[in-house]
């Protein structure tokens, strides 16, 4: 069954500028600018002003959409929310080194843009991971064996974490016993930290 019209709106906070052009949404805030392409979704995006409160809003419509198409409205709103959070607060992920015997040794190089992992399970191999665009990696001063990744785009920050995690997979051993690796321990926004 198709619904004739399903639509949802979200408020745009002050200090954030949003442009909509042919399903490409551009969000600009104090921390920078982010864009996202929604051309793969069959949705209509509109910038409107609320008649009652006078606040700027983003309205998303789905005409004659199936259940899946209607569900994608909320998904698109969540993505835009993440863009707004990125340009206002920024995203911060924390990762911890886990090891039973051989201490994992990591050195951050390339102007906080890459990490080299040594002595993982005592291996001589040097694992190098470059961060994605706009993501910086810093070693925590207070906590031992912890690194923090920061950036505006939640997708790039979380994918950078995934790249680090995937570099430290244990091969040819029982992974229930060998739990060594670098794992995400905390996710949040930068502004909350300060």
Protein backbone atom coordinates (compact mmCIF):
# COMPACT_ATOMS: atom_id res chain seq x y z
CA UNK A 1 0.00 0.00 0.00
CA UNK A 2 1.24 3.47 -0.87
CA UNK A 3 0.69 6.54 1.30
CA UNK A 4 -0.29 9.65 -0.67
CA UNK A 5 1.93 12.01 1.34
CA UNK A 6 4.17 11.43 4.32
CA UNK A 7 6.26 14.31 5.58
CA UNK A 8 8.38 15.30 8.56
CA UNK A 9 10.03 18.54 9.63
CA UNK A 10 12.97 19.44 11.82
CA UNK A 11 14.03 22.75 13.37
CA UNK A 12 17.27 24.33 12.19
CA UNK A 13 19.23 25.78 15.12
CA UNK A 14 20.56 29.35 15.12
CA UNK A 15 24.09 29.81 13.82
CA UNK A 16 23.67 27.07 11.22
CA UNK A 17 23.11 27.84 7.54
CA UNK A 18 21.51 25.15 5.37
CA UNK A 19 21.29 25.17 1.58
CA UNK A 20 19.26 22.65 -0.43
CA UNK A 21 19.95 22.24 -4.12
CA UNK A 22 18.71 19.23 -6.10
CA UNK A 23 18.74 16.87 -3.08
CA UNK A 24 22.28 17.94 -2.12
CA UNK A 25 22.24 19.44 1.37
CA UNK A 26 24.98 21.81 2.48
CA UNK A 27 25.29 22.66 6.16
CA UNK A 28 27.57 25.45 7.38
CA UNK A 29 28.33 26.20 11.02
CA UNK A 30 31.04 27.48 13.35
CA UNK A 31 33.26 24.40 12.84
CA UNK A 32 33.08 24.33 9.04
CA UNK A 33 30.99 23.09 6.14
CA UNK A 34 29.58 19.63 5.34
CA UNK A 35 27.64 18.41 2.32
CA UNK A 36 25.62 15.27 1.73
CA UNK A 37 23.98 13.88 -1.37
CA UNK A 38 20.47 12.38 -1.08
CA UNK A 39 19.89 11.82 -4.80
CA UNK A 40 19.43 8.08 -4.27
CA UNK A 41 16.30 8.74 -2.16
CA UNK A 42 12.97 9.55 -3.75
CA UNK A 43 12.22 12.47 -1.40
CA UNK A 44 11.48 16.21 -1.65
CA UNK A 45 13.54 18.60 0.51
CA UNK A 46 12.26 22.11 1.31
CA UNK A 47 13.39 24.94 3.58
CA UNK A 48 10.36 26.53 5.24
CA UNK A 49 9.55 28.95 8.06
CA UNK A 50 7.24 27.78 10.83
CA UNK A 51 4.06 29.92 10.79
CA UNK A 52 3.63 29.82 14.58
CA UNK A 53 7.15 30.11 16.03
CA UNK A 54 8.86 31.71 13.03
CA UNK A 55 11.73 29.20 13.20
CA UNK A 56 13.50 27.94 10.10
CA UNK A 57 12.71 24.31 9.34
CA UNK A 58 13.69 21.59 6.91
CA UNK A 59 10.70 19.70 5.49
CA UNK A 60 11.02 16.32 3.82
CA UNK A 61 8.13 14.88 1.78
CA UNK A 62 7.58 11.48 0.23
CA UNK A 63 4.77 11.35 -2.35
CA UNK A 64 3.07 8.02 -3.07
CA UNK A 65 5.84 6.18 -1.25
CA UNK A 66 5.91 2.60 -0.05
CA UNK A 67 6.64 1.81 3.59
CA UNK A 68 10.37 1.76 2.83
CA UNK A 69 10.27 5.14 1.10
CA UNK A 70 8.36 6.63 4.03
CA UNK A 71 10.86 5.14 6.48
CA UNK A 72 13.72 6.81 4.61
CA UNK A 73 12.35 10.24 5.63
CA UNK A 74 13.42 9.70 9.23
CA UNK A 75 16.78 8.34 8.04
CA UNK A 76 17.43 11.48 5.98
CA UNK A 77 16.48 13.68 8.96
CA UNK A 78 18.91 11.76 11.18
CA UNK A 79 21.69 12.29 8.63
CA UNK A 80 20.99 16.02 8.51
CA UNK A 81 20.95 16.10 12.34
CA UNK A 82 24.41 14.51 12.31
CA UNK A 83 25.62 17.13 9.83
CA UNK A 84 24.32 19.90 12.10
CA UNK A 85 25.92 18.31 15.18
CA UNK A 86 29.19 17.97 13.23
CA UNK A 87 29.43 21.64 12.24
CA UNK A 88 28.37 22.89 15.69
CA UNK A 89 29.97 20.43 18.16
CA UNK A 90 32.06 17.90 16.22
CA UNK A 91 32.39 14.17 16.91
CA UNK A 92 34.87 12.44 19.20
CA UNK A 93 35.58 8.70 19.35
CA UNK A 94 37.88 7.11 21.93
CA UNK A 95 39.76 3.86 21.29
CA UNK A 96 41.62 1.66 23.79
CA UNK A 97 44.52 -0.74 23.23
CA UNK A 98 43.75 -4.21 24.58
CA UNK A 99 46.57 -6.72 25.07
CA UNK A 100 47.32 -9.68 27.32
CA UNK A 101 51.10 -9.94 26.93
CA UNK A 102 52.76 -7.93 24.17
CA UNK A 103 52.14 -4.20 24.72
CA UNK A 104 50.80 -2.53 21.58
CA UNK A 105 53.03 0.39 20.63
CA UNK A 106 51.48 3.18 18.55
CA UNK A 107 53.10 6.30 17.18
CA UNK A 108 51.07 9.13 15.67
CA UNK A 109 52.71 10.83 12.70
CA UNK A 110 51.94 12.98 9.69
CA UNK A 111 50.57 16.00 11.59
CA UNK A 112 48.06 13.85 13.57
CA UNK A 113 46.80 12.32 10.32
CA UNK A 114 48.17 8.76 10.56
CA UNK A 115 49.05 6.10 13.12
CA UNK A 116 51.69 3.35 13.07
CA UNK A 117 50.97 0.28 15.19
CA UNK A 118 53.92 -1.87 16.30
CA UNK A 119 54.43 -5.01 18.41
CA UNK A 120 50.84 -6.25 17.95
CA UNK A 121 50.98 -9.84 19.31
CA UNK A 122 54.77 -9.46 19.17
CA UNK A 123 54.75 -9.26 15.37
CA UNK A 124 57.51 -7.33 13.63
CA UNK A 125 55.08 -5.98 11.03
CA UNK A 126 54.38 -2.23 11.17
CA UNK A 127 50.72 -1.45 10.54
CA UNK A 128 50.12 2.04 9.16
CA UNK A 129 46.65 3.58 9.01
CA UNK A 130 45.97 6.95 7.36
CA UNK A 131 43.01 8.90 8.68
CA UNK A 132 40.24 9.94 6.30
CA UNK A 133 39.80 13.62 5.33
CA UNK A 134 39.18 15.99 8.23
CA UNK A 135 39.89 13.42 10.98
CA UNK A 136 42.67 14.02 13.50
CA UNK A 137 44.06 11.44 15.90
CA UNK A 138 45.58 12.29 19.29
CA UNK A 139 47.01 10.19 22.10
CA UNK A 140 45.24 10.74 25.44
CA UNK A 141 47.43 12.38 28.08
CA UNK A 142 45.41 11.27 31.10
CA UNK A 143 44.60 7.67 30.17
CA UNK A 144 47.21 5.06 29.29
CA UNK A 145 46.76 3.14 26.00
CA UNK A 146 44.02 5.40 24.69
CA UNK A 147 43.69 7.41 21.48
CA UNK A 148 41.01 9.90 20.51
CA UNK A 149 39.76 10.64 17.01
CA UNK A 150 38.05 13.92 16.25
CA UNK A 151 36.30 15.35 13.22
CA UNK A 152 33.18 17.03 11.89
CA UNK A 153 31.80 14.21 9.74
CA UNK A 154 30.51 11.30 11.85
CA UNK A 155 30.91 8.87 8.94
CA UNK A 156 34.57 9.71 8.36
CA UNK A 157 35.42 9.59 12.09
CA UNK A 158 33.71 6.22 12.62
CA UNK A 159 35.21 4.78 9.41
CA UNK A 160 38.68 5.86 10.54
CA UNK A 161 38.07 3.99 13.82
CA UNK A 162 36.96 0.95 11.82
CA UNK A 163 40.16 1.06 9.71
CA UNK A 164 42.30 1.08 12.87
CA UNK A 165 40.25 -1.75 14.38
CA UNK A 166 40.46 -3.88 11.23
CA UNK A 167 44.24 -3.52 11.04
CA UNK A 168 44.51 -5.33 14.37
CA UNK A 169 42.57 -8.52 13.70
CA UNK A 170 44.05 -11.71 15.15
CA UNK A 171 44.73 -14.29 12.44
CA UNK A 172 45.02 -18.07 12.82
CA UNK A 173 44.32 -18.02 16.55
CA UNK A 174 41.27 -18.62 18.71
CA UNK A 175 39.74 -15.14 18.92
CA UNK A 176 37.89 -16.08 22.12
CA UNK A 177 41.27 -16.41 23.82
CA UNK A 178 43.31 -13.81 21.91
CA UNK A 179 41.33 -10.64 22.57
CA UNK A 180 44.16 -8.28 21.62
CA UNK A 181 43.32 -5.32 19.43
CA UNK A 182 42.31 -1.67 19.37
CA UNK A 183 38.64 -1.16 20.14
CA UNK A 184 36.25 1.80 20.29
CA UNK A 185 35.49 2.48 23.95
CA UNK A 186 33.47 5.69 23.78
CA UNK A 187 31.54 7.77 21.26
CA UNK A 188 30.34 11.31 21.73
CA UNK A 189 30.54 14.94 20.75
CA UNK A 190 33.57 17.17 21.28
CA UNK A 191 31.74 20.11 22.85
CA UNK A 192 30.45 17.90 25.71
CA UNK A 193 34.04 17.07 26.70
CA UNK A 194 35.09 20.66 27.41
